[in-house]
Amino acid sequence: MNESPPFTSQDPVAVRGVIHGKVIELESQPEFRDGEIVEVRIRVVSNTPRTGEGILKTAGILGRDPEDDEILDYLQGLRKSSTYREIEE
């Protein structure tokens, strides 16, 4: 019967997590001391869309240019500042 060898610091440990910028939030606590220096290899395991990705796809060309927010804010300001006159019946 082949028994697995005891755990050593060289044995890789697979733990899933979610990336938030430079921080990876792990789903479970790995069995290492706090502050231990480790090597991390990252592999995407799902194609879960990022928050807001869908709206950017539907925005088309407006989702790509950072100046668009300024233009839309300017147009909204024009709409709010416009004065309307009543039409007499």
Protein backbone atom coordinates (compact mmCIF):
# COMPACT_ATOMS: atom_id res chain seq x y z
CA MET A 1 0.00 0.00 0.00
CA ASN A 2 1.41 3.41 -0.99
CA GLU A 3 1.01 5.98 1.72
CA SER A 4 1.38 9.61 0.77
CA PRO A 5 4.53 11.23 2.13
CA PRO A 6 4.15 13.69 5.02
CA PHE A 7 3.48 17.32 4.18
CA THR A 8 6.59 19.39 3.57
CA SER A 9 7.05 23.07 2.89
CA GLN A 10 7.87 22.15 -0.73
CA ASP A 11 4.48 20.54 -1.39
CA PRO A 12 2.15 22.88 -3.30
CA VAL A 13 -1.17 23.75 -1.70
CA ALA A 14 -4.14 24.77 -3.88
CA VAL A 15 -6.42 27.39 -2.35
CA ARG A 16 -9.06 29.34 -4.27
CA GLY A 17 -9.42 33.05 -3.85
CA VAL A 18 -10.60 36.31 -5.37
CA ILE A 19 -8.24 39.04 -6.53
CA HIS A 20 -8.88 42.60 -5.30
CA GLY A 21 -6.07 44.69 -6.77
CA LYS A 22 -2.85 43.52 -5.10
CA VAL A 23 -4.74 41.51 -2.44
CA ILE A 24 -5.98 37.93 -2.90
CA GLU A 25 -8.84 37.03 -0.54
CA LEU A 26 -8.61 33.28 0.11
CA GLU A 27 -11.68 31.08 0.56
CA SER A 28 -10.00 29.11 3.35
CA GLN A 29 -7.15 29.57 5.80
CA PRO A 30 -3.95 27.93 4.54
CA GLU A 31 -1.95 25.98 7.12
CA PHE A 32 1.04 28.32 7.23
CA ARG A 33 2.30 30.65 9.92
CA ASP A 34 1.19 34.27 9.69
CA GLY A 35 3.96 36.22 7.96
CA GLU A 36 5.38 33.15 6.19
CA ILE A 37 6.96 33.99 2.81
CA VAL A 38 5.29 31.98 0.05
CA GLU A 39 5.43 31.70 -3.72
CA VAL A 40 2.11 32.30 -5.49
CA ARG A 41 1.15 31.06 -8.94
CA ILE A 42 -2.15 32.39 -10.24
CA ARG A 43 -4.50 30.66 -12.66
CA VAL A 44 -8.00 31.89 -13.56
CA VAL A 45 -10.51 29.14 -12.79
CA SER A 46 -13.74 30.87 -13.90
CA ASN A 47 -14.80 33.53 -16.33
CA THR A 48 -17.01 35.37 -13.86
CA PRO A 49 -17.56 38.84 -15.29
CA ARG A 50 -16.18 41.67 -13.23
CA THR A 51 -18.59 44.12 -11.62
CA GLY A 52 -19.70 46.67 -14.20
CA GLU A 53 -18.27 44.74 -17.15
CA GLY A 54 -21.73 44.13 -18.63
CA ILE A 55 -22.68 47.79 -18.58
CA LEU A 56 -19.39 48.70 -20.26
CA LYS A 57 -20.10 46.22 -23.05
CA THR A 58 -23.58 47.63 -23.59
CA ALA A 59 -22.28 51.21 -23.50
CA GLY A 60 -20.44 50.59 -26.76
CA ILE A 61 -18.13 53.41 -27.73
CA LEU A 62 -19.16 55.44 -24.65
CA GLY A 63 -17.59 52.84 -22.37
CA ARG A 64 -14.07 53.46 -23.68
CA ASP A 65 -13.34 57.18 -23.54
CA PRO A 66 -12.78 58.81 -20.11
CA GLU A 67 -13.79 62.20 -21.56
CA ASP A 68 -17.31 60.90 -22.16
CA ASP A 69 -18.27 61.46 -18.51
CA GLU A 70 -17.23 65.10 -18.80
CA ILE A 71 -19.21 65.53 -22.02
CA LEU A 72 -22.32 63.88 -20.55
CA ASP A 73 -22.05 66.01 -17.38
CA TYR A 74 -21.76 69.14 -19.55
CA LEU A 75 -24.84 68.18 -21.57
CA GLN A 76 -26.80 67.41 -18.39
CA GLY A 77 -25.83 70.83 -17.04
CA LEU A 78 -27.09 72.50 -20.21
CA ARG A 79 -30.40 70.66 -19.92
CA LYS A 80 -30.83 71.72 -16.29
CA SER A 81 -29.92 75.36 -16.95
CA SER A 82 -32.19 75.75 -19.99
CA THR A 83 -35.23 77.92 -19.53
CA TYR A 84 -38.48 77.10 -21.17
CA ARG A 85 -41.31 79.43 -21.97
CA GLU A 86 -44.93 78.53 -21.74
CA ILE A 87 -46.79 78.26 -25.02
CA GLU A 88 -50.04 80.15 -24.97
CA GLU A 89 -53.03 78.22 -26.15
